[in-house]
Amino acid sequence: MVKRIGVLALQGDFREHIKAIGKCGVKGIDIRLPAQLDGIEALIIPGGESTTINKLLIKYNFINALDRFNDMGKPIFGTCAGMIMLAKKVVGEEFGLGFIDATVQRNAYGRQIDSFEEYIDLKLNNLKKDKFKAIFIRAPKILEIGENVEVLAKAKNEIVLARQENVIISSFHPELGNDIRIHEYFLSMVNNLKKKREKENVRAF
């Protein structure tokens, strides 16, 4: 059972993700220093201002710690600005952690005034099939994905939710509203990883 999910709390709407995780019955932990990554099972990088988040990651020496976290295969979920941080390439920018094989563009759906909602279909295992209300706020766009990236949802025929192994990205804000299916899916990734490692330990013994 999942016990501790970290939410990067340097900037952005981290409180909303902590509330969403709480609705799933799991404790969300504010992550403000790299050393705190050692005590969590998975990490959410929230929406906010990607340039500011990138500067703070560098200022507080998060980059190497995040690389190690990802190398361990622990699940990571990036929403909006968080998606930008996780991408392999960001158009016109020099940052991007490169944890998922995707090319993204900042603010590609327009400015704050161009924010919108779209009801989308989710491809999330056996979770209920009702449409999900996706909220786009100064949203980035996924322009390209690699062949190992799985498409989990589209809006207006464009990819808005995708996964590669332990990493998920979304153009929209699933933490806004009361529908917690995407967070539940993320938690299922954590549980599946724990079960896999438990089996590996039994075989090794």
C-alpha atoms as a PDB file:
ATOM      1  CA  MET A   1       0.000   0.000   0.000  1.00  0.00           C
ATOM      2  CA  VAL A   2       1.278   3.464  -0.918  1.00  0.00           C
ATOM      3  CA  LYS A   3       2.277   5.518   2.122  1.00  0.00           C
ATOM      4  CA  ARG A   4       4.123   8.678   1.088  1.00  0.00           C
ATOM      5  CA  ILE A   5       3.848  10.615  -2.176  1.00  0.00           C
ATOM      6  CA  GLY A   6       5.992  13.698  -2.595  1.00  0.00           C
ATOM      7  CA  VAL A   7       4.845  16.876  -4.323  1.00  0.00           C
ATOM      8  CA  LEU A   8       7.534  19.332  -5.385  1.00  0.00           C
ATOM      9  CA  ALA A   9       6.659  22.476  -3.437  1.00  0.00           C
ATOM     10  CA  LEU A  10       9.068  25.065  -4.790  1.00  0.00           C
ATOM     11  CA  GLN A  11       6.420  26.953  -6.780  1.00  0.00           C
ATOM     12  CA  GLY A  12       3.035  26.381  -8.383  1.00  0.00           C
ATOM     13  CA  ASP A  13      -0.163  24.588  -7.364  1.00  0.00           C
ATOM     14  CA  PHE A  14       1.396  21.879  -5.196  1.00  0.00           C
ATOM     15  CA  ARG A  15      -1.300  22.244  -2.521  1.00  0.00           C
ATOM     16  CA  GLU A  16      -4.003  21.128  -4.955  1.00  0.00           C
ATOM     17  CA  HIS A  17      -2.062  17.949  -5.746  1.00  0.00           C
ATOM     18  CA  ILE A  18      -1.620  17.220  -2.042  1.00  0.00           C
ATOM     19  CA  LYS A  19      -5.393  17.561  -1.603  1.00  0.00           C
ATOM     20  CA  ALA A  20      -6.041  15.221  -4.546  1.00  0.00           C
ATOM     21  CA  ILE A  21      -3.628  12.641  -3.137  1.00  0.00           C
ATOM     22  CA  GLY A  22      -5.366  12.977   0.226  1.00  0.00           C
ATOM     23  CA  LYS A  23      -8.711  12.166  -1.417  1.00  0.00           C
ATOM     24  CA  CYS A  24      -7.092   8.909  -2.557  1.00  0.00           C
ATOM     25  CA  GLY A  25      -6.319   8.081   1.070  1.00  0.00           C
ATOM     26  CA  VAL A  26      -2.576   8.736   0.809  1.00  0.00           C
ATOM     27  CA  LYS A  27      -0.432  11.332   2.546  1.00  0.00           C
ATOM     28  CA  GLY A  28       1.139  13.968   0.313  1.00  0.00           C
ATOM     29  CA  ILE A  29       4.486  15.394   1.422  1.00  0.00           C
ATOM     30  CA  ASP A  30       5.804  18.869   0.555  1.00  0.00           C
ATOM     31  CA  ILE A  31       9.217  18.428  -1.081  1.00  0.00           C
ATOM     32  CA  ARG A  32      11.384  21.514  -0.679  1.00  0.00           C
ATOM     33  CA  LEU A  33      14.892  20.023  -0.401  1.00  0.00           C
ATOM     34  CA  PRO A  34      16.628  17.234  -2.395  1.00  0.00           C
ATOM     35  CA  ALA A  35      17.247  15.100   0.706  1.00  0.00           C
ATOM     36  CA  GLN A  36      13.481  14.723   1.165  1.00  0.00           C
ATOM     37  CA  LEU A  37      13.300  12.619  -2.015  1.00  0.00           C
ATOM     38  CA  ASP A  38      14.833   9.724  -0.095  1.00  0.00           C
ATOM     39  CA  GLY A  39      11.725   9.311   2.031  1.00  0.00           C
ATOM     40  CA  ILE A  40       9.035   9.110  -0.663  1.00  0.00           C
ATOM     41  CA  GLU A  41       7.768   6.452  -3.057  1.00  0.00           C
ATOM     42  CA  ALA A  42       6.802   8.718  -5.966  1.00  0.00           C
ATOM     43  CA  LEU A  43       6.904  12.379  -6.964  1.00  0.00           C
ATOM     44  CA  ILE A  44       4.524  14.874  -8.544  1.00  0.00           C
ATOM     45  CA  ILE A  45       5.905  17.999 -10.228  1.00  0.00           C
ATOM     46  CA  PRO A  46       2.986  20.442 -10.372  1.00  0.00           C
ATOM     47  CA  GLY A  47       1.931  23.203 -12.686  1.00  0.00           C
ATOM     48  CA  GLY A  48       3.288  26.694 -12.214  1.00  0.00           C
ATOM     49  CA  GLU A  49       5.863  28.763 -14.089  1.00  0.00           C
ATOM     50  CA  SER A  50       8.344  26.409 -15.721  1.00  0.00           C
ATOM     51  CA  THR A  51      11.203  28.913 -16.011  1.00  0.00           C
ATOM     52  CA  THR A  52      10.933  29.711 -12.303  1.00  0.00           C
ATOM     53  CA  ILE A  53      10.733  26.035 -11.346  1.00  0.00           C
ATOM     54  CA  ASN A  54      13.811  25.286 -13.436  1.00  0.00           C
ATOM     55  CA  LYS A  55      15.795  28.069 -11.740  1.00  0.00           C
ATOM     56  CA  LEU A  56      14.761  26.813  -8.302  1.00  0.00           C
ATOM     57  CA  LEU A  57      15.705  23.226  -9.161  1.00  0.00           C
ATOM     58  CA  ILE A  58      19.177  24.464 -10.017  1.00  0.00           C
ATOM     59  CA  LYS A  59      19.402  26.801  -7.011  1.00  0.00           C
ATOM     60  CA  TYR A  60      18.517  24.041  -4.529  1.00  0.00           C
ATOM     61  CA  ASN A  61      20.640  21.352  -6.246  1.00  0.00           C
ATOM     62  CA  PHE A  62      17.699  19.143  -7.235  1.00  0.00           C
ATOM     63  CA  ILE A  63      18.916  18.024 -10.661  1.00  0.00           C
ATOM     64  CA  ASN A  64      21.250  15.182  -9.644  1.00  0.00           C
ATOM     65  CA  ALA A  65      18.836  14.038  -6.945  1.00  0.00           C
ATOM     66  CA  LEU A  66      15.986  13.867  -9.472  1.00  0.00           C
ATOM     67  CA  ASP A  67      18.207  11.929 -11.887  1.00  0.00           C
ATOM     68  CA  ARG A  68      18.868   9.341  -9.169  1.00  0.00           C
ATOM     69  CA  PHE A  69      15.165   9.220  -8.272  1.00  0.00           C
ATOM     70  CA  ASN A  70      14.234   8.530 -11.882  1.00  0.00           C
ATOM     71  CA  ASP A  71      17.043   5.975 -12.315  1.00  0.00           C
ATOM     72  CA  MET A  72      15.506   4.017  -9.432  1.00  0.00           C
ATOM     73  CA  GLY A  73      12.335   3.681 -11.495  1.00  0.00           C
ATOM     74  CA  LYS A  74      10.166   5.507  -8.971  1.00  0.00           C
ATOM     75  CA  PRO A  75       6.992   6.958 -10.548  1.00  0.00           C
ATOM     76  CA  ILE A  76       7.055  10.648 -11.474  1.00  0.00           C
ATOM     77  CA  PHE A  77       4.050  12.683 -12.642  1.00  0.00           C
ATOM     78  CA  GLY A  78       4.423  16.104 -14.260  1.00  0.00           C
ATOM     79  CA  THR A  79       1.427  18.344 -14.937  1.00  0.00           C
ATOM     80  CA  CYS A  80       1.539  21.456 -17.138  1.00  0.00           C
ATOM     81  CA  ALA A  81       4.829  23.119 -16.084  1.00  0.00           C
ATOM     82  CA  GLY A  82       5.817  19.789 -14.543  1.00  0.00           C
ATOM     83  CA  MET A  83       5.387  18.188 -17.945  1.00  0.00           C
ATOM     84  CA  ILE A  84       7.746  20.759 -19.426  1.00  0.00           C
ATOM     85  CA  MET A  85      10.358  19.939 -16.794  1.00  0.00           C
ATOM     86  CA  LEU A  86      10.196  16.192 -17.531  1.00  0.00           C
ATOM     87  CA  ALA A  87      10.325  16.404 -21.321  1.00  0.00           C
ATOM     88  CA  LYS A  88      13.319  15.422 -23.409  1.00  0.00           C
ATOM     89  CA  LYS A  89      13.057  18.620 -25.462  1.00  0.00           C
ATOM     90  CA  VAL A  90      11.382  21.979 -24.887  1.00  0.00           C
ATOM     91  CA  VAL A  91      11.052  24.122 -28.009  1.00  0.00           C
ATOM     92  CA  GLY A  92      13.134  27.272 -27.730  1.00  0.00           C
ATOM     93  CA  GLU A  93      14.372  26.423 -24.219  1.00  0.00           C
ATOM     94  CA  GLU A  94      17.525  24.874 -22.832  1.00  0.00           C
ATOM     95  CA  PHE A  95      15.942  22.986 -19.956  1.00  0.00           C
ATOM     96  CA  GLY A  96      14.114  19.691 -19.680  1.00  0.00           C
ATOM     97  CA  LEU A  97      15.150  16.762 -17.490  1.00  0.00           C
ATOM     98  CA  GLY A  98      14.737  14.287 -20.340  1.00  0.00           C
ATOM     99  CA  PHE A  99      12.835  11.666 -18.332  1.00  0.00           C
ATOM    100  CA  ILE A 100      10.265  11.081 -21.090  1.00  0.00           C
ATOM    101  CA  ASP A 101      10.828  10.987 -24.851  1.00  0.00           C
ATOM    102  CA  ALA A 102       8.607  13.918 -25.748  1.00  0.00           C
ATOM    103  CA  THR A 103       9.004  17.298 -27.389  1.00  0.00           C
ATOM    104  CA  VAL A 104       6.815  20.001 -25.849  1.00  0.00           C
ATOM    105  CA  GLN A 105       6.146  23.704 -26.346  1.00  0.00           C
ATOM    106  CA  ARG A 106       5.387  26.163 -23.556  1.00  0.00           C
ATOM    107  CA  ASN A 107       2.093  28.122 -23.591  1.00  0.00           C
ATOM    108  CA  ALA A 108       1.203  26.565 -26.927  1.00  0.00           C
ATOM    109  CA  TYR A 109      -2.542  26.716 -26.273  1.00  0.00           C
ATOM    110  CA  GLY A 110      -2.401  30.466 -25.635  1.00  0.00           C
ATOM    111  CA  ARG A 111      -2.313  32.916 -22.749  1.00  0.00           C
ATOM    112  CA  GLN A 112      -4.288  32.881 -19.486  1.00  0.00           C
ATOM    113  CA  ILE A 113      -7.298  34.346 -21.271  1.00  0.00           C
ATOM    114  CA  ASP A 114      -7.258  31.376 -23.657  1.00  0.00           C
ATOM    115  CA  SER A 115      -7.691  28.797 -20.877  1.00  0.00           C
ATOM    116  CA  PHE A 116     -10.387  26.217 -21.563  1.00  0.00           C
ATOM    117  CA  GLU A 117     -12.004  22.967 -20.443  1.00  0.00           C
ATOM    118  CA  GLU A 118     -12.387  19.834 -22.544  1.00  0.00           C
ATOM    119  CA  TYR A 119     -14.084  16.526 -21.759  1.00  0.00           C
ATOM    120  CA  ILE A 120     -11.722  13.723 -22.732  1.00  0.00           C
ATOM    121  CA  ASP A 121     -11.593   9.927 -22.752  1.00  0.00           C
ATOM    122  CA  LEU A 122      -8.971   8.285 -20.547  1.00  0.00           C
ATOM    123  CA  LYS A 123      -7.168   5.018 -21.297  1.00  0.00           C
ATOM    124  CA  LEU A 124      -6.374   4.079 -17.718  1.00  0.00           C
ATOM    125  CA  ASN A 125      -6.725   0.342 -17.213  1.00  0.00           C
ATOM    126  CA  ASN A 126      -9.982  -0.609 -15.505  1.00  0.00           C
ATOM    127  CA  LEU A 127     -10.916   2.779 -14.057  1.00  0.00           C
ATOM    128  CA  LYS A 128     -14.429   3.965 -14.930  1.00  0.00           C
ATOM    129  CA  LYS A 129     -14.881   5.125 -18.501  1.00  0.00           C
ATOM    130  CA  ASP A 130     -16.769   8.394 -17.898  1.00  0.00           C
ATOM    131  CA  LYS A 131     -15.289  11.397 -19.646  1.00  0.00           C
ATOM    132  CA  PHE A 132     -12.788  13.430 -17.635  1.00  0.00           C
ATOM    133  CA  LYS A 133     -13.040  17.232 -17.421  1.00  0.00           C
ATOM    134  CA  ALA A 134      -9.536  18.425 -18.333  1.00  0.00           C
ATOM    135  CA  ILE A 135      -8.685  22.020 -17.411  1.00  0.00           C
ATOM    136  CA  PHE A 136      -6.089  23.763 -19.580  1.00  0.00           C
ATOM    137  CA  ILE A 137      -4.453  26.937 -18.189  1.00  0.00           C
ATOM    138  CA  ARG A 138      -1.661  28.510 -20.257  1.00  0.00           C
ATOM    139  CA  ALA A 139      -1.100  24.927 -21.261  1.00  0.00           C
ATOM    140  CA  PRO A 140       1.956  23.464 -22.981  1.00  0.00           C
ATOM    141  CA  LYS A 141       1.492  21.205 -25.965  1.00  0.00           C
ATOM    142  CA  ILE A 142       2.991  17.779 -26.692  1.00  0.00           C
ATOM    143  CA  LEU A 143       4.328  18.080 -30.227  1.00  0.00           C
ATOM    144  CA  GLU A 144       6.069  14.725 -30.638  1.00  0.00           C
ATOM    145  CA  ILE A 145       6.550  11.508 -28.689  1.00  0.00           C
ATOM    146  CA  GLY A 146       8.958   8.593 -29.056  1.00  0.00           C
ATOM    147  CA  GLU A 147       7.864   5.102 -30.027  1.00  0.00           C
ATOM    148  CA  ASN A 148       8.016   3.878 -26.411  1.00  0.00           C
ATOM    149  CA  VAL A 149       5.622   6.527 -25.150  1.00  0.00           C
ATOM    150  CA  GLU A 150       2.025   5.421 -24.550  1.00  0.00           C
ATOM    151  CA  VAL A 151      -0.838   7.825 -25.295  1.00  0.00           C
ATOM    152  CA  LEU A 152      -3.339   7.868 -22.422  1.00  0.00           C
ATOM    153  CA  ALA A 153      -5.623  10.692 -23.582  1.00  0.00           C
ATOM    154  CA  LYS A 154      -6.194  13.177 -26.396  1.00  0.00           C
ATOM    155  CA  ALA A 155      -8.053  16.493 -26.657  1.00  0.00           C
ATOM    156  CA  LYS A 156      -8.905  18.094 -29.988  1.00  0.00           C
ATOM    157  CA  ASN A 157      -7.004  15.196 -31.566  1.00  0.00           C
ATOM    158  CA  GLU A 158      -3.788  16.174 -29.774  1.00  0.00           C
ATOM    159  CA  ILE A 159      -1.961  14.157 -27.105  1.00  0.00           C
ATOM    160  CA  VAL A 160      -2.540  15.617 -23.642  1.00  0.00           C
ATOM    161  CA  LEU A 161      -1.708  12.685 -21.342  1.00  0.00           C
ATOM    162  CA  ALA A 162       1.115  10.212 -21.934  1.00  0.00           C
ATOM    163  CA  ARG A 163       3.312   7.700 -20.161  1.00  0.00           C
ATOM    164  CA  GLN A 164       6.734   6.152 -20.644  1.00  0.00           C
ATOM    165  CA  GLU A 165       7.591   3.478 -18.085  1.00  0.00           C
ATOM    166  CA  ASN A 166       7.645   5.246 -14.678  1.00  0.00           C
ATOM    167  CA  VAL A 167       6.888   8.761 -15.977  1.00  0.00           C
ATOM    168  CA  ILE A 168       3.517  10.391 -16.764  1.00  0.00           C
ATOM    169  CA  ILE A 169       2.952  13.848 -18.219  1.00  0.00           C
ATOM    170  CA  SER A 170      -0.206  15.878 -18.773  1.00  0.00           C
ATOM    171  CA  SER A 171      -0.823  19.192 -20.547  1.00  0.00           C
ATOM    172  CA  PHE A 172      -3.768  19.922 -18.271  1.00  0.00           C
ATOM    173  CA  HIS A 173      -4.411  20.172 -14.529  1.00  0.00           C
ATOM    174  CA  PRO A 174      -5.982  16.936 -13.202  1.00  0.00           C
ATOM    175  CA  GLU A 175      -5.653  18.223  -9.633  1.00  0.00           C
ATOM    176  CA  LEU A 176      -8.346  20.857 -10.221  1.00  0.00           C
ATOM    177  CA  GLY A 177     -11.853  19.520  -9.670  1.00  0.00           C
ATOM    178  CA  ASN A 178     -13.101  16.435  -7.867  1.00  0.00           C
ATOM    179  CA  ASP A 179     -12.234  13.662 -10.335  1.00  0.00           C
ATOM    180  CA  ILE A 180      -9.243  11.785  -8.887  1.00  0.00           C
ATOM    181  CA  ARG A 181      -8.964   8.969 -11.455  1.00  0.00           C
ATOM    182  CA  ILE A 182      -5.626  10.117 -12.843  1.00  0.00           C
ATOM    183  CA  HIS A 183      -4.133  10.380  -9.364  1.00  0.00           C
ATOM    184  CA  GLU A 184      -5.529   6.928  -8.595  1.00  0.00           C
ATOM    185  CA  TYR A 185      -3.842   5.609 -11.724  1.00  0.00           C
ATOM    186  CA  PHE A 186      -0.559   7.185 -10.628  1.00  0.00           C
ATOM    187  CA  LEU A 187      -0.880   5.521  -7.226  1.00  0.00           C
ATOM    188  CA  SER A 188      -1.544   2.183  -8.936  1.00  0.00           C
ATOM    189  CA  MET A 189       1.825   2.585 -10.660  1.00  0.00           C
ATOM    190  CA  VAL A 190       3.462   2.913  -7.254  1.00  0.00           C
ATOM    191  CA  ASN A 191       1.689  -0.192  -5.921  1.00  0.00           C
ATOM    192  CA  ASN A 192       2.595  -2.207  -9.023  1.00  0.00           C
ATOM    193  CA  LEU A 193       6.253  -1.221  -8.641  1.00  0.00           C
ATOM    194  CA  LYS A 194       6.239  -2.315  -4.996  1.00  0.00           C
ATOM    195  CA  LYS A 195       4.672  -5.668  -5.877  1.00  0.00           C
ATOM    196  CA  LYS A 196       7.216  -6.200  -8.653  1.00  0.00           C
ATOM    197  CA  ARG A 197      10.133  -5.518  -6.325  1.00  0.00           C
ATOM    198  CA  GLU A 198       8.697  -7.774  -3.643  1.00  0.00           C
ATOM    199  CA  LYS A 199       8.531 -10.633  -6.161  1.00  0.00           C
ATOM    200  CA  GLU A 200      12.082  -9.930  -7.273  1.00  0.00           C
ATOM    201  CA  ASN A 201      13.261 -10.053  -3.660  1.00  0.00           C
ATOM    202  CA  VAL A 202      11.524 -13.409  -3.124  1.00  0.00           C
ATOM    203  CA  ARG A 203      13.153 -14.865  -6.245  1.00  0.00           C
ATOM    204  CA  ALA A 204      16.562 -13.537  -5.170  1.00  0.00           C
ATOM    205  CA  PHE A 205      16.148 -15.164  -1.759  1.00  0.00           C
END
